[in-house]
PDB file of N, CA and C in Angstrom:
ATOM      1  N   MET A   1       0.953  -1.185   0.214  1.00  0.00           N
ATOM      2  CA  MET A   1       0.136  -0.108   0.244  1.00  0.00           C
ATOM      3  C   MET A   1       0.979   1.193  -0.010  1.00  0.00           C
ATOM      4  N   GLU A   2       0.700   1.746  -1.546  1.00  0.00           N
ATOM      5  CA  GLU A   2       1.334   3.607  -0.987  1.00  0.00           C
ATOM      6  C   GLU A   2       1.012   4.483   0.311  1.00  0.00           C
ATOM      7  N   THR A   3       1.607   5.098   0.648  1.00  0.00           N
ATOM      8  CA  THR A   3       1.919   5.783   1.694  1.00  0.00           C
ATOM      9  C   THR A   3       1.418   7.183   1.886  1.00  0.00           C
ATOM     10  N   ARG A   4       1.566   7.170   0.798  1.00  0.00           N
ATOM     11  CA  ARG A   4       1.549   9.142   0.164  1.00  0.00           C
ATOM     12  C   ARG A   4       0.728   9.059  -1.128  1.00  0.00           C
ATOM     13  N   CYS A   5      -0.559  10.321  -0.971  1.00  0.00           N
ATOM     14  CA  CYS A   5      -0.697  10.731  -2.048  1.00  0.00           C
ATOM     15  C   CYS A   5      -0.643  10.965  -2.948  1.00  0.00           C
ATOM     16  N   ARG A   6      -0.611  11.170  -4.941  1.00  0.00           N
ATOM     17  CA  ARG A   6       0.311  12.339  -5.720  1.00  0.00           C
ATOM     18  C   ARG A   6       0.613  13.257  -4.808  1.00  0.00           C
ATOM     19  N   CYS A   7      -0.891  14.222  -3.839  1.00  0.00           N
ATOM     20  CA  CYS A   7      -0.514  14.959  -3.935  1.00  0.00           C
ATOM     21  C   CYS A   7       0.215  15.621  -2.442  1.00  0.00           C
ATOM     22  N   GLY A   8       0.858  14.092  -1.331  1.00  0.00           N
ATOM     23  CA  GLY A   8       1.396  14.256  -0.773  1.00  0.00           C
ATOM     24  C   GLY A   8       0.813  14.366   0.799  1.00  0.00           C
ATOM     25  N   THR A   9      -0.674  14.327   0.709  1.00  0.00           N
ATOM     26  CA  THR A   9      -0.928  13.792   1.861  1.00  0.00           C
ATOM     27  C   THR A   9      -1.044  12.251   2.341  1.00  0.00           C
ATOM     28  N   GLU A  10      -0.494  12.270   3.810  1.00  0.00           N
ATOM     29  CA  GLU A  10      -0.309  10.693   3.918  1.00  0.00           C
ATOM     30  C   GLU A  10      -1.284   9.865   4.328  1.00  0.00           C
ATOM     31  N   PHE A  11      -1.921   8.394   4.031  1.00  0.00           N
ATOM     32  CA  PHE A  11      -2.423   7.930   3.313  1.00  0.00           C
ATOM     33  C   PHE A  11      -2.770   7.060   5.302  1.00  0.00           C
ATOM     34  N   ARG A  12      -4.130   7.716   6.368  1.00  0.00           N
ATOM     35  CA  ARG A  12      -3.765   6.965   7.551  1.00  0.00           C
ATOM     36  C   ARG A  12      -4.597   5.677   7.221  1.00  0.00           C
ATOM     37  N   PHE A  13      -5.514   5.531   6.458  1.00  0.00           N
ATOM     38  CA  PHE A  13      -6.065   4.247   6.233  1.00  0.00           C
ATOM     39  C   PHE A  13      -6.601   4.081   5.561  1.00  0.00           C
ATOM     40  N   SER A  14      -6.561   2.887   4.451  1.00  0.00           N
ATOM     41  CA  SER A  14      -6.955   1.980   3.560  1.00  0.00           C
ATOM     42  C   SER A  14      -8.098   3.136   2.006  1.00  0.00           C
ATOM     43  N   PHE A  15      -8.591   2.984   2.930  1.00  0.00           N
ATOM     44  CA  PHE A  15     -10.406   3.858   2.581  1.00  0.00           C
ATOM     45  C   PHE A  15     -10.389   5.172   1.876  1.00  0.00           C
ATOM     46  N   ASP A  16      -8.792   5.892   2.580  1.00  0.00           N
ATOM     47  CA  ASP A  16      -8.831   7.119   1.919  1.00  0.00           C
ATOM     48  C   ASP A  16      -8.268   7.020   0.635  1.00  0.00           C
ATOM     49  N   GLN A  17      -7.534   5.500  -0.142  1.00  0.00           N
ATOM     50  CA  GLN A  17      -7.257   6.047  -0.877  1.00  0.00           C
ATOM     51  C   GLN A  17      -8.238   5.826  -2.019  1.00  0.00           C
ATOM     52  N   LEU A  18      -8.865   6.625  -3.087  1.00  0.00           N
ATOM     53  CA  LEU A  18      -9.806   7.467  -3.938  1.00  0.00           C
ATOM     54  C   LEU A  18      -8.884   6.940  -5.026  1.00  0.00           C
ATOM     55  N   GLY A  19     -10.210   6.914  -5.774  1.00  0.00           N
ATOM     56  CA  GLY A  19      -9.669   7.150  -7.323  1.00  0.00           C
ATOM     57  C   GLY A  19     -10.076   7.862  -8.236  1.00  0.00           C
ATOM     58  N   CYS A  20     -10.456   8.259  -8.879  1.00  0.00           N
ATOM     59  CA  CYS A  20     -11.080   9.430 -10.106  1.00  0.00           C
ATOM     60  C   CYS A  20     -12.663   8.706 -10.594  1.00  0.00           C
ATOM     61  N   ILE A  21     -14.036   8.888 -10.835  1.00  0.00           N
ATOM     62  CA  ILE A  21     -14.588   7.648 -11.704  1.00  0.00           C
ATOM     63  C   ILE A  21     -14.067   8.211 -12.580  1.00  0.00           C
ATOM     64  N   GLU A  22     -13.683   9.517 -13.355  1.00  0.00           N
ATOM     65  CA  GLU A  22     -13.616   9.416 -14.676  1.00  0.00           C
ATOM     66  C   GLU A  22     -12.622   9.093 -15.331  1.00  0.00           C
ATOM     67  N   CYS A  23     -11.638   9.161 -15.230  1.00  0.00           N
ATOM     68  CA  CYS A  23     -10.267   9.032 -15.651  1.00  0.00           C
ATOM     69  C   CYS A  23      -9.561   7.871 -14.882  1.00  0.00           C
ATOM     70  N   GLY A  24      -9.413   7.368 -13.354  1.00  0.00           N
ATOM     71  CA  GLY A  24      -9.056   6.601 -12.860  1.00  0.00           C
ATOM     72  C   GLY A  24      -7.777   7.123 -11.891  1.00  0.00           C
ATOM     73  N   ALA A  25      -7.622   8.539 -12.181  1.00  0.00           N
ATOM     74  CA  ALA A  25      -6.342   9.008 -11.572  1.00  0.00           C
ATOM     75  C   ALA A  25      -6.174   8.694  -9.827  1.00  0.00           C
ATOM     76  N   PRO A  26      -5.710   8.167  -9.265  1.00  0.00           N
ATOM     77  CA  PRO A  26      -5.246   7.721  -7.774  1.00  0.00           C
ATOM     78  C   PRO A  26      -5.395   9.489  -7.159  1.00  0.00           C
ATOM     79  N   CYS A  27      -6.541   9.257  -6.121  1.00  0.00           N
ATOM     80  CA  CYS A  27      -6.894  11.048  -5.286  1.00  0.00           C
ATOM     81  C   CYS A  27      -7.237  10.346  -3.534  1.00  0.00           C
ATOM     82  N   CYS A  28      -7.022  11.615  -3.052  1.00  0.00           N
ATOM     83  CA  CYS A  28      -7.086  10.711  -1.502  1.00  0.00           C
ATOM     84  C   CYS A  28      -8.216  11.921  -0.843  1.00  0.00           C
ATOM     85  N   PRO A  29      -8.553  12.479  -0.412  1.00  0.00           N
ATOM     86  CA  PRO A  29      -9.803  13.161   0.067  1.00  0.00           C
ATOM     87  C   PRO A  29      -9.614  14.473   0.560  1.00  0.00           C
ATOM     88  N   THR A  30      -8.142  15.037   0.181  1.00  0.00           N
ATOM     89  CA  THR A  30      -7.615  16.265   0.533  1.00  0.00           C
ATOM     90  C   THR A  30      -7.580  16.824  -1.301  1.00  0.00           C
ATOM     91  N   CYS A  31      -7.415  15.379  -1.938  1.00  0.00           N
ATOM     92  CA  CYS A  31      -7.029  16.573  -3.122  1.00  0.00           C
ATOM     93  C   CYS A  31      -8.660  16.226  -4.822  1.00  0.00           C
ATOM     94  N   SER A  32      -9.443  15.299  -3.997  1.00  0.00           N
ATOM     95  CA  SER A  32     -10.661  14.708  -4.740  1.00  0.00           C
ATOM     96  C   SER A  32     -11.265  15.442  -4.347  1.00  0.00           C
ATOM     97  N   TYR A  33     -12.866  15.710  -5.220  1.00  0.00           N
ATOM     98  CA  TYR A  33     -14.069  16.456  -5.422  1.00  0.00           C
ATOM     99  C   TYR A  33     -15.036  15.313  -5.250  1.00  0.00           C
ATOM    100  N   GLN A  34     -16.066  15.614  -4.734  1.00  0.00           N
ATOM    101  CA  GLN A  34     -16.807  15.042  -4.182  1.00  0.00           C
ATOM    102  C   GLN A  34     -17.949  15.388  -5.201  1.00  0.00           C
ATOM    103  N   LEU A  35     -18.580  14.679  -5.796  1.00  0.00           N
ATOM    104  CA  LEU A  35     -19.991  15.214  -6.841  1.00  0.00           C
ATOM    105  C   LEU A  35     -21.271  14.270  -6.852  1.00  0.00           C
ATOM    106  N   GLU A  36     -21.755  14.236  -6.210  1.00  0.00           N
ATOM    107  CA  GLU A  36     -23.464  13.537  -6.634  1.00  0.00           C
ATOM    108  C   GLU A  36     -22.570  12.250  -6.400  1.00  0.00           C
ATOM    109  N   SER A  37     -21.676  12.102  -5.059  1.00  0.00           N
ATOM    110  CA  SER A  37     -21.221  10.485  -4.546  1.00  0.00           C
ATOM    111  C   SER A  37     -20.480  10.015  -5.261  1.00  0.00           C
ATOM    112  N   ALA A  38     -19.928  10.721  -5.782  1.00  0.00           N
ATOM    113  CA  ALA A  38     -18.206  10.304  -6.935  1.00  0.00           C
ATOM    114  C   ALA A  38     -17.483  11.240  -6.728  1.00  0.00           C
ATOM    115  N   ASN A  39     -15.883  10.572  -6.823  1.00  0.00           N
ATOM    116  CA  ASN A  39     -15.143  10.582  -6.362  1.00  0.00           C
ATOM    117  C   ASN A  39     -14.481  11.174  -7.168  1.00  0.00           C
ATOM    118  N   TYR A  40     -14.097  12.733  -7.917  1.00  0.00           N
ATOM    119  CA  TYR A  40     -13.244  13.241  -9.084  1.00  0.00           C
ATOM    120  C   TYR A  40     -11.709  13.861  -8.673  1.00  0.00           C
ATOM    121  N   CYS A  41     -10.623  14.013  -9.546  1.00  0.00           N
ATOM    122  CA  CYS A  41      -9.420  14.500  -9.288  1.00  0.00           C
ATOM    123  C   CYS A  41     -10.033  16.028  -9.815  1.00  0.00           C
ATOM    124  N   SER A  42      -8.737  16.722  -9.618  1.00  0.00           N
ATOM    125  CA  SER A  42      -8.925  18.018  -9.740  1.00  0.00           C
ATOM    126  C   SER A  42      -9.634  18.645 -10.399  1.00  0.00           C
ATOM    127  N   ARG A  43      -8.434  17.837 -11.918  1.00  0.00           N
ATOM    128  CA  ARG A  43      -8.672  18.136 -13.138  1.00  0.00           C
ATOM    129  C   ARG A  43      -9.722  17.739 -13.705  1.00  0.00           C
ATOM    130  N   CYS A  44     -10.587  16.172 -13.556  1.00  0.00           N
ATOM    131  CA  CYS A  44     -11.678  16.637 -14.653  1.00  0.00           C
ATOM    132  C   CYS A  44     -13.086  16.841 -13.336  1.00  0.00           C
ATOM    133  N   ALA A  45     -12.984  17.106 -11.940  1.00  0.00           N
ATOM    134  CA  ALA A  45     -13.915  17.914 -11.354  1.00  0.00           C
ATOM    135  C   ALA A  45     -14.432  19.785 -12.555  1.00  0.00           C
ATOM    136  N   GLU A  46     -12.986  20.184 -12.213  1.00  0.00           N
ATOM    137  CA  GLU A  46     -13.093  21.341 -13.145  1.00  0.00           C
ATOM    138  C   GLU A  46     -13.795  21.263 -14.573  1.00  0.00           C
ATOM    139  N   VAL A  47     -13.297  20.658 -15.304  1.00  0.00           N
ATOM    140  CA  VAL A  47     -13.759  19.859 -16.638  1.00  0.00           C
ATOM    141  C   VAL A  47     -15.374  19.741 -16.679  1.00  0.00           C
ATOM    142  N   LEU A  48     -15.184  18.814 -15.358  1.00  0.00           N
ATOM    143  CA  LEU A  48     -16.775  18.368 -15.782  1.00  0.00           C
ATOM    144  C   LEU A  48     -17.919  19.786 -15.244  1.00  0.00           C
ATOM    145  N   LEU A  49     -17.758  20.591 -14.299  1.00  0.00           N
ATOM    146  CA  LEU A  49     -17.832  21.824 -13.744  1.00  0.00           C
ATOM    147  C   LEU A  49     -18.233  22.768 -14.807  1.00  0.00           C
ATOM    148  N   GLU A  50     -17.742  22.688 -15.956  1.00  0.00           N
ATOM    149  CA  GLU A  50     -16.983  23.891 -16.702  1.00  0.00           C
ATOM    150  C   GLU A  50     -16.995  25.132 -16.221  1.00  0.00           C
ATOM    151  N   LEU A  51     -15.712  24.938 -15.322  1.00  0.00           N
ATOM    152  CA  LEU A  51     -14.854  26.519 -15.081  1.00  0.00           C
ATOM    153  C   LEU A  51     -14.103  26.829 -15.673  1.00  0.00           C
ATOM    154  N   PRO A  52     -13.776  28.393 -15.963  1.00  0.00           N
ATOM    155  CA  PRO A  52     -13.758  29.037 -17.058  1.00  0.00           C
ATOM    156  C   PRO A  52     -12.225  28.737 -17.612  1.00  0.00           C
ATOM    157  N   TRP A  53     -11.802  28.508 -16.442  1.00  0.00           N
ATOM    158  CA  TRP A  53     -10.177  28.116 -16.303  1.00  0.00           C
ATOM    159  C   TRP A  53      -9.837  26.325 -17.392  1.00  0.00           C
ATOM    160  N   ALA A  54     -10.979  25.643 -17.062  1.00  0.00           N
ATOM    161  CA  ALA A  54     -10.977  23.865 -17.765  1.00  0.00           C
ATOM    162  C   ALA A  54     -11.057  23.702 -18.983  1.00  0.00           C
ATOM    163  N   ALA A  55     -10.986  24.673 -20.013  1.00  0.00           N
ATOM    164  CA  ALA A  55     -10.794  24.354 -21.453  1.00  0.00           C
ATOM    165  C   ALA A  55      -9.313  24.916 -21.340  1.00  0.00           C
ATOM    166  N   ALA A  56      -8.232  25.286 -20.837  1.00  0.00           N
ATOM    167  CA  ALA A  56      -7.011  25.907 -21.030  1.00  0.00           C
ATOM    168  C   ALA A  56      -6.602  24.157 -21.041  1.00  0.00           C
ATOM    169  N   LEU A  57      -7.010  23.325 -19.417  1.00  0.00           N
ATOM    170  CA  LEU A  57      -7.066  21.952 -19.222  1.00  0.00           C
ATOM    171  C   LEU A  57      -7.373  20.937 -20.265  1.00  0.00           C
ATOM    172  N   ALA A  58      -8.355  21.134 -20.339  1.00  0.00           N
ATOM    173  CA  ALA A  58      -8.399  19.861 -21.616  1.00  0.00           C
ATOM    174  C   ALA A  58      -9.114  20.624 -22.589  1.00  0.00           C
ATOM    175  N   PRO A  59      -8.580  20.955 -23.990  1.00  0.00           N
ATOM    176  CA  PRO A  59      -8.808  21.750 -24.928  1.00  0.00           C
ATOM    177  C   PRO A  59      -9.458  20.678 -26.162  1.00  0.00           C
ATOM    178  N   ALA A  60      -9.061  19.302 -25.928  1.00  0.00           N
ATOM    179  CA  ALA A  60      -9.450  18.248 -27.096  1.00  0.00           C
ATOM    180  C   ALA A  60     -10.803  18.154 -26.719  1.00  0.00           C
ATOM    181  N   ARG A  61     -11.456  18.383 -25.214  1.00  0.00           N
ATOM    182  CA  ARG A  61     -12.705  17.598 -24.935  1.00  0.00           C
ATOM    183  C   ARG A  61     -13.989  18.958 -25.682  1.00  0.00           C
ATOM    184  N   TYR A  62     -12.917  20.036 -25.774  1.00  0.00           N
ATOM    185  CA  TYR A  62     -14.104  21.003 -25.708  1.00  0.00           C
ATOM    186  C   TYR A  62     -13.875  21.414 -27.059  1.00  0.00           C
ATOM    187  N   ALA A  63     -12.983  20.679 -27.824  1.00  0.00           N
ATOM    188  CA  ALA A  63     -13.084  21.159 -29.483  1.00  0.00           C
ATOM    189  C   ALA A  63     -13.894  20.042 -29.628  1.00  0.00           C
ATOM    190  N   ALA A  64     -13.718  18.943 -29.099  1.00  0.00           N
ATOM    191  CA  ALA A  64     -14.977  17.833 -30.007  1.00  0.00           C
ATOM    192  C   ALA A  64     -16.790  17.927 -29.412  1.00  0.00           C
ATOM    193  N   ASN A  65     -16.773  18.676 -28.605  1.00  0.00           N
ATOM    194  CA  ASN A  65     -17.751  19.332 -27.950  1.00  0.00           C
ATOM    195  C   ASN A  65     -18.666  20.422 -28.595  1.00  0.00           C
ATOM    196  N   ALA A  66     -17.937  21.105 -29.448  1.00  0.00           N
ATOM    197  CA  ALA A  66     -17.846  22.370 -29.752  1.00  0.00           C
ATOM    198  C   ALA A  66     -19.267  22.237 -31.342  1.00  0.00           C
ATOM    199  N   THR A  67     -20.052  23.542 -30.729  1.00  0.00           N
ATOM    200  CA  THR A  67     -21.067  23.375 -32.441  1.00  0.00           C
ATOM    201  C   THR A  67     -20.245  24.057 -33.661  1.00  0.00           C
ATOM    202  N   PRO A  68     -20.476  23.701 -34.283  1.00  0.00           N
ATOM    203  CA  PRO A  68     -19.887  24.380 -35.466  1.00  0.00           C
ATOM    204  C   PRO A  68     -20.810  25.737 -36.315  1.00  0.00           C
ATOM    205  N   ASP A  69     -20.161  26.878 -36.498  1.00  0.00           N
ATOM    206  CA  ASP A  69     -20.207  27.543 -36.671  1.00  0.00           C
ATOM    207  C   ASP A  69     -21.041  27.954 -37.934  1.00  0.00           C
ATOM    208  N   LEU A  70     -22.415  28.431 -38.056  1.00  0.00           N
ATOM    209  CA  LEU A  70     -23.215  27.868 -39.454  1.00  0.00           C
ATOM    210  C   LEU A  70     -23.690  29.168 -40.086  1.00  0.00           C
ATOM    211  N   GLY A  71     -22.530  30.593 -39.251  1.00  0.00           N
ATOM    212  CA  GLY A  71     -22.751  31.801 -39.915  1.00  0.00           C
ATOM    213  C   GLY A  71     -23.602  32.569 -39.428  1.00  0.00           C
TER     214      GLY A  71
END
């Protein structure tokens, strides 16, 4: 078992080792976001919530969902 999360927080209990439901990245209660009973890493939570700075983190996802300009 890992003793620290990638954010540096020490795991005190095995149930503190969470994972992002979107991308599978390992995270802990300190660096994860719980939205509707699911845990997300900070990157996926920003994209899911469509925060203004999220587009810079995942431009391909936004480009795929963009609607074409019909003039």
